[in-house]
Amino acid sequence: MNTPEKNWLEWAVFAVGLVLVGAALGYLVYDAATFGNAPPDIEVRLDAPAQQRQHFTVPVTVINHGDLPAEGVRVEVVLEASGAEEPERAELEIPLLPRGASREGAVAFRRDPRTAQLTARLLGYEKP
């Protein structure tokens, strides 16, 4: 019984598939070998405020530089206006922040944050 010989296209498809599978396995082995055990290292960034109809929104970016994920990440943004006014506070919660990932959200204020000082801080997170 004669087996048909493979043509060049079949060999090319086989080679490309072999390279892709090898690259995926190589990446997974590298990632597992360099995976650390550092706790979440969370950074909070504020972007330029924008005026909406009845309020002002401030975009917030939360980045996890650590090796482990964090759940229920809570961020507080405080708007401190000049004068004797009480600071206005807003919170943002990110349900899951994987390692090396970032998430974006926004907080809203009644007063204009463009004429005041904004500060952001991490309130806490849970270990999954």
Protein backbone atom coordinates (compact mmCIF):
# COMPACT_ATOMS: atom_id res chain seq x y z
CA MET A 1 0.00 0.00 0.00
CA ASN A 2 1.44 3.31 -1.06
CA THR A 3 1.15 6.30 1.26
CA PRO A 4 0.79 9.59 -0.53
CA GLU A 5 3.64 12.02 -0.04
CA LYS A 6 2.94 15.32 1.63
CA ASN A 7 3.23 18.38 -0.53
CA TRP A 8 5.06 21.58 0.42
CA LEU A 9 1.89 23.30 1.72
CA GLU A 10 1.21 20.53 4.24
CA TRP A 11 4.81 20.72 5.46
CA ALA A 12 4.60 24.52 5.74
CA VAL A 13 1.39 24.34 7.79
CA PHE A 14 2.97 21.68 10.01
CA ALA A 15 6.07 23.84 10.54
CA VAL A 16 4.07 26.97 11.40
CA GLY A 17 1.91 25.00 13.83
CA LEU A 18 4.98 23.46 15.45
CA VAL A 19 6.61 26.89 15.88
CA LEU A 20 3.43 28.37 17.42
CA VAL A 21 2.98 25.49 19.87
CA GLY A 22 6.67 25.62 20.79
CA ALA A 23 6.53 29.39 21.35
CA ALA A 24 3.43 29.08 23.55
CA LEU A 25 5.02 26.32 25.63
CA GLY A 26 8.26 28.29 25.89
CA TYR A 27 6.41 31.36 27.14
CA LEU A 28 4.49 29.34 29.74
CA VAL A 29 7.70 27.72 31.02
CA TYR A 30 9.45 31.12 31.18
CA ASP A 31 6.49 32.71 32.97
CA ALA A 32 6.33 29.90 35.52
CA ALA A 33 10.10 30.04 36.12
CA THR A 34 10.18 33.82 36.67
CA PHE A 35 6.93 34.03 38.64
CA GLY A 36 7.57 35.66 41.99
CA ASN A 37 5.62 35.68 45.21
CA ALA A 38 5.59 39.43 45.85
CA PRO A 39 2.30 40.81 47.23
CA PRO A 40 0.20 43.20 45.14
CA ASP A 41 1.95 46.54 44.61
CA ILE A 42 -0.87 48.86 43.65
CA GLU A 43 -0.41 52.26 42.02
CA VAL A 44 -3.24 54.78 41.60
CA ARG A 45 -3.14 57.45 38.88
CA LEU A 46 -5.56 60.31 38.32
CA ASP A 47 -6.20 61.79 34.88
CA ALA A 48 -7.63 65.13 33.80
CA PRO A 49 -11.13 65.90 35.11
CA ALA A 50 -14.00 66.32 32.67
CA GLN A 51 -17.26 68.22 33.10
CA GLN A 52 -20.50 66.28 32.65
CA ARG A 53 -24.07 67.58 32.88
CA GLN A 54 -24.52 67.76 36.67
CA HIS A 55 -21.09 66.70 37.90
CA PHE A 56 -17.40 66.37 37.16
CA THR A 57 -15.69 63.03 36.52
CA VAL A 58 -12.07 62.18 37.23
CA PRO A 59 -10.64 59.13 35.40
CA VAL A 60 -8.72 56.75 37.68
CA THR A 61 -6.21 54.11 36.59
CA VAL A 62 -5.25 51.38 39.08
CA ILE A 63 -2.14 49.29 38.28
CA ASN A 64 -0.89 46.14 40.02
CA HIS A 65 2.91 45.93 39.79
CA GLY A 66 3.05 42.92 42.15
CA ASP A 67 3.21 39.20 41.42
CA LEU A 68 -0.09 38.28 43.07
CA PRO A 69 -3.63 39.40 42.19
CA ALA A 70 -5.83 41.54 44.43
CA GLU A 71 -9.59 41.38 44.91
CA GLY A 72 -11.95 44.10 46.07
CA VAL A 73 -9.43 46.90 45.54
CA ARG A 74 -10.81 50.09 47.09
CA VAL A 75 -9.48 53.53 46.16
CA GLU A 76 -10.43 56.87 47.73
CA VAL A 77 -10.13 60.17 45.87
CA VAL A 78 -10.38 63.38 47.92
CA LEU A 79 -11.19 66.80 46.50
CA GLU A 80 -9.84 69.50 48.81
CA ALA A 81 -11.24 72.87 47.86
CA SER A 82 -9.73 76.13 49.02
CA GLY A 83 -11.49 77.84 51.88
CA ALA A 84 -13.40 76.37 54.77
CA GLU A 85 -15.41 73.88 52.72
CA GLU A 86 -15.41 70.26 53.82
CA PRO A 87 -13.38 67.96 51.51
CA GLU A 88 -15.49 65.96 49.06
CA ARG A 89 -14.68 62.24 48.90
CA ALA A 90 -15.37 59.56 46.31
CA GLU A 91 -14.54 55.85 46.23
CA LEU A 92 -13.90 53.37 43.46
CA GLU A 93 -13.88 49.59 43.83
CA ILE A 94 -12.16 47.22 41.41
CA PRO A 95 -13.49 43.65 41.83
CA LEU A 96 -10.33 41.90 40.54
CA LEU A 97 -6.89 43.29 39.68
CA PRO A 98 -4.66 40.54 38.23
CA ARG A 99 -0.88 40.65 38.50
CA GLY A 100 0.70 43.03 36.02
CA ALA A 101 -2.70 44.37 34.99
CA SER A 102 -4.40 47.75 35.07
CA ARG A 103 -8.04 48.75 35.33
CA GLU A 104 -9.69 52.07 34.55
CA GLY A 105 -12.68 53.72 36.16
CA ALA A 106 -13.92 57.16 37.18
CA VAL A 107 -15.16 58.98 40.26
CA ALA A 108 -17.63 61.86 40.29
CA PHE A 109 -17.67 65.14 42.23
CA ARG A 110 -20.21 67.93 42.57
CA ARG A 111 -17.52 70.65 42.78
CA ASP A 112 -15.06 71.43 40.01
CA PRO A 113 -11.84 69.43 40.61
CA ARG A 114 -9.93 71.54 38.08
CA THR A 115 -9.76 74.39 40.62
CA ALA A 116 -8.92 72.25 43.65
CA GLN A 117 -6.40 69.69 44.83
CA LEU A 118 -7.06 66.01 44.15
CA THR A 119 -5.40 63.22 46.11
CA ALA A 120 -5.87 59.49 45.72
CA ARG A 121 -4.96 56.64 48.02
CA LEU A 122 -5.43 52.93 48.24
CA LEU A 123 -7.87 52.00 51.00
CA GLY A 124 -7.31 48.26 50.85
CA TYR A 125 -7.69 44.97 49.03
CA GLU A 126 -8.28 41.29 49.70
CA LYS A 127 -6.10 38.31 48.90
CA PRO A 128 -7.93 35.92 46.57
